[in-house]
Amino acid sequence: MSVFHDEVEIEDFEYDPETETYTYPCPCGDKFEITREELIDGEDIARCPGCSLLVRVIYDPEDFEEEEDEAEELTIPDEKPKALN
């Protein structure tokens, strides 16, 4: 069982589109981090790489499921090359 430093709404995190990472200030001076991919996978724990603190991220998983569905729709299936005769 994990003990959380706090529970924080996803809206309170800062988002970096380049790394697709959400961050939130940690008392140690570093930042809690959780990636968009982790949120899509249902993860709700942001970790601070500078210390052992954890925060629970409060968010609506459905907001991230839609993004996953859209990404799947954009995926082009592998096509086998046609033989040249």
C-alpha atoms as a PDB file:
ATOM      1  CA  MET A   1       0.000   0.000   0.000  1.00  0.00           C
ATOM      2  CA  SER A   2       1.329   3.407  -0.970  1.00  0.00           C
ATOM      3  CA  VAL A   3       1.070   6.517   1.152  1.00  0.00           C
ATOM      4  CA  PHE A   4       0.399   9.634  -0.890  1.00  0.00           C
ATOM      5  CA  HIS A   5       1.718  13.085  -0.110  1.00  0.00           C
ATOM      6  CA  ASP A   6      -1.414  14.605  -1.655  1.00  0.00           C
ATOM      7  CA  GLU A   7      -4.134  14.227  -4.269  1.00  0.00           C
ATOM      8  CA  VAL A   8      -3.875  16.697  -7.145  1.00  0.00           C
ATOM      9  CA  GLU A   9      -6.268  17.441 -10.027  1.00  0.00           C
ATOM     10  CA  ILE A  10      -4.762  16.954 -13.492  1.00  0.00           C
ATOM     11  CA  GLU A  11      -5.755  20.565 -14.272  1.00  0.00           C
ATOM     12  CA  ASP A  12      -3.228  21.726 -11.650  1.00  0.00           C
ATOM     13  CA  PHE A  13      -0.338  20.004 -13.458  1.00  0.00           C
ATOM     14  CA  GLU A  14       1.693  21.705 -16.191  1.00  0.00           C
ATOM     15  CA  TYR A  15       1.798  19.855 -19.519  1.00  0.00           C
ATOM     16  CA  ASP A  16       4.859  19.691 -21.783  1.00  0.00           C
ATOM     17  CA  PRO A  17       3.706  18.684 -25.286  1.00  0.00           C
ATOM     18  CA  GLU A  18       7.272  17.863 -26.410  1.00  0.00           C
ATOM     19  CA  THR A  19       7.757  15.155 -23.765  1.00  0.00           C
ATOM     20  CA  GLU A  20       4.019  14.496 -23.276  1.00  0.00           C
ATOM     21  CA  THR A  21       4.635  14.775 -19.530  1.00  0.00           C
ATOM     22  CA  TYR A  22       2.559  16.385 -16.790  1.00  0.00           C
ATOM     23  CA  THR A  23       4.510  17.931 -13.893  1.00  0.00           C
ATOM     24  CA  TYR A  24       3.604  19.387 -10.503  1.00  0.00           C
ATOM     25  CA  PRO A  25       5.941  21.044  -7.951  1.00  0.00           C
ATOM     26  CA  CYS A  26       7.239  18.784  -5.173  1.00  0.00           C
ATOM     27  CA  PRO A  27       8.192  20.136  -1.706  1.00  0.00           C
ATOM     28  CA  CYS A  28      11.757  18.864  -2.259  1.00  0.00           C
ATOM     29  CA  GLY A  29      12.212  21.375  -5.096  1.00  0.00           C
ATOM     30  CA  ASP A  30      11.894  18.857  -7.938  1.00  0.00           C
ATOM     31  CA  LYS A  31       8.635  18.006  -9.736  1.00  0.00           C
ATOM     32  CA  PHE A  32       6.202  15.103  -9.661  1.00  0.00           C
ATOM     33  CA  GLU A  33       5.908  13.570 -13.135  1.00  0.00           C
ATOM     34  CA  ILE A  34       3.401  11.426 -14.995  1.00  0.00           C
ATOM     35  CA  THR A  35       3.281  10.875 -18.747  1.00  0.00           C
ATOM     36  CA  ARG A  36       0.275  11.023 -21.025  1.00  0.00           C
ATOM     37  CA  GLU A  37       0.907   7.376 -21.904  1.00  0.00           C
ATOM     38  CA  GLU A  38       0.754   6.391 -18.222  1.00  0.00           C
ATOM     39  CA  LEU A  39      -2.581   8.196 -17.878  1.00  0.00           C
ATOM     40  CA  ILE A  40      -3.924   6.410 -20.977  1.00  0.00           C
ATOM     41  CA  ASP A  41      -2.842   3.123 -19.368  1.00  0.00           C
ATOM     42  CA  GLY A  42      -4.874   4.012 -16.253  1.00  0.00           C
ATOM     43  CA  GLU A  43      -1.940   4.979 -14.013  1.00  0.00           C
ATOM     44  CA  ASP A  44      -2.842   7.621 -11.414  1.00  0.00           C
ATOM     45  CA  ILE A  45       0.382   7.964  -9.425  1.00  0.00           C
ATOM     46  CA  ALA A  46       2.844  10.760 -10.165  1.00  0.00           C
ATOM     47  CA  ARG A  47       6.334  10.222  -8.780  1.00  0.00           C
ATOM     48  CA  CYS A  48       9.034  12.684  -7.882  1.00  0.00           C
ATOM     49  CA  PRO A  49      12.420  11.632  -9.254  1.00  0.00           C
ATOM     50  CA  GLY A  50      14.176  13.719  -6.607  1.00  0.00           C
ATOM     51  CA  CYS A  51      12.660  12.065  -3.521  1.00  0.00           C
ATOM     52  CA  SER A  52      10.299   9.282  -2.501  1.00  0.00           C
ATOM     53  CA  LEU A  53       7.053  11.287  -2.459  1.00  0.00           C
ATOM     54  CA  LEU A  54       4.024  10.256  -4.513  1.00  0.00           C
ATOM     55  CA  VAL A  55       0.812  12.084  -5.398  1.00  0.00           C
ATOM     56  CA  ARG A  56      -2.422  10.590  -6.637  1.00  0.00           C
ATOM     57  CA  VAL A  57      -3.567  12.279  -9.847  1.00  0.00           C
ATOM     58  CA  ILE A  58      -7.289  12.987 -10.005  1.00  0.00           C
ATOM     59  CA  TYR A  59      -8.470  12.829 -13.619  1.00  0.00           C
ATOM     60  CA  ASP A  60     -11.195  11.391 -15.815  1.00  0.00           C
ATOM     61  CA  PRO A  61      -9.779   8.321 -17.595  1.00  0.00           C
ATOM     62  CA  GLU A  62     -12.391   8.757 -20.331  1.00  0.00           C
ATOM     63  CA  ASP A  63     -10.649  11.989 -21.393  1.00  0.00           C
ATOM     64  CA  PHE A  64      -7.587   9.925 -22.263  1.00  0.00           C
ATOM     65  CA  GLU A  65      -9.460   6.938 -23.726  1.00  0.00           C
ATOM     66  CA  GLU A  66     -10.788   9.178 -26.509  1.00  0.00           C
ATOM     67  CA  GLU A  67      -7.234  10.189 -27.427  1.00  0.00           C
ATOM     68  CA  GLU A  68      -6.219   6.522 -27.542  1.00  0.00           C
ATOM     69  CA  ASP A  69      -9.186   5.697 -29.818  1.00  0.00           C
ATOM     70  CA  GLU A  70      -8.277   8.567 -32.154  1.00  0.00           C
ATOM     71  CA  ALA A  71      -4.661   7.386 -32.335  1.00  0.00           C
ATOM     72  CA  GLU A  72      -5.803   3.872 -33.218  1.00  0.00           C
ATOM     73  CA  GLU A  73      -7.973   5.246 -36.024  1.00  0.00           C
ATOM     74  CA  LEU A  74      -4.984   7.086 -37.488  1.00  0.00           C
ATOM     75  CA  THR A  75      -2.778   4.003 -37.501  1.00  0.00           C
ATOM     76  CA  ILE A  76      -2.218   2.672 -41.002  1.00  0.00           C
ATOM     77  CA  PRO A  77      -2.325  -1.107 -41.136  1.00  0.00           C
ATOM     78  CA  ASP A  78       0.701  -2.929 -42.466  1.00  0.00           C
ATOM     79  CA  GLU A  79       0.263  -3.766 -46.122  1.00  0.00           C
ATOM     80  CA  LYS A  80       2.146  -6.490 -47.867  1.00  0.00           C
ATOM     81  CA  PRO A  81       3.961  -5.267 -50.973  1.00  0.00           C
ATOM     82  CA  LYS A  82       2.506  -6.449 -54.241  1.00  0.00           C
ATOM     83  CA  ALA A  83       4.667  -8.763 -56.316  1.00  0.00           C
ATOM     84  CA  LEU A  84       5.927  -7.324 -59.554  1.00  0.00           C
ATOM     85  CA  ASN A  85       5.533  -9.750 -62.457  1.00  0.00           C
END
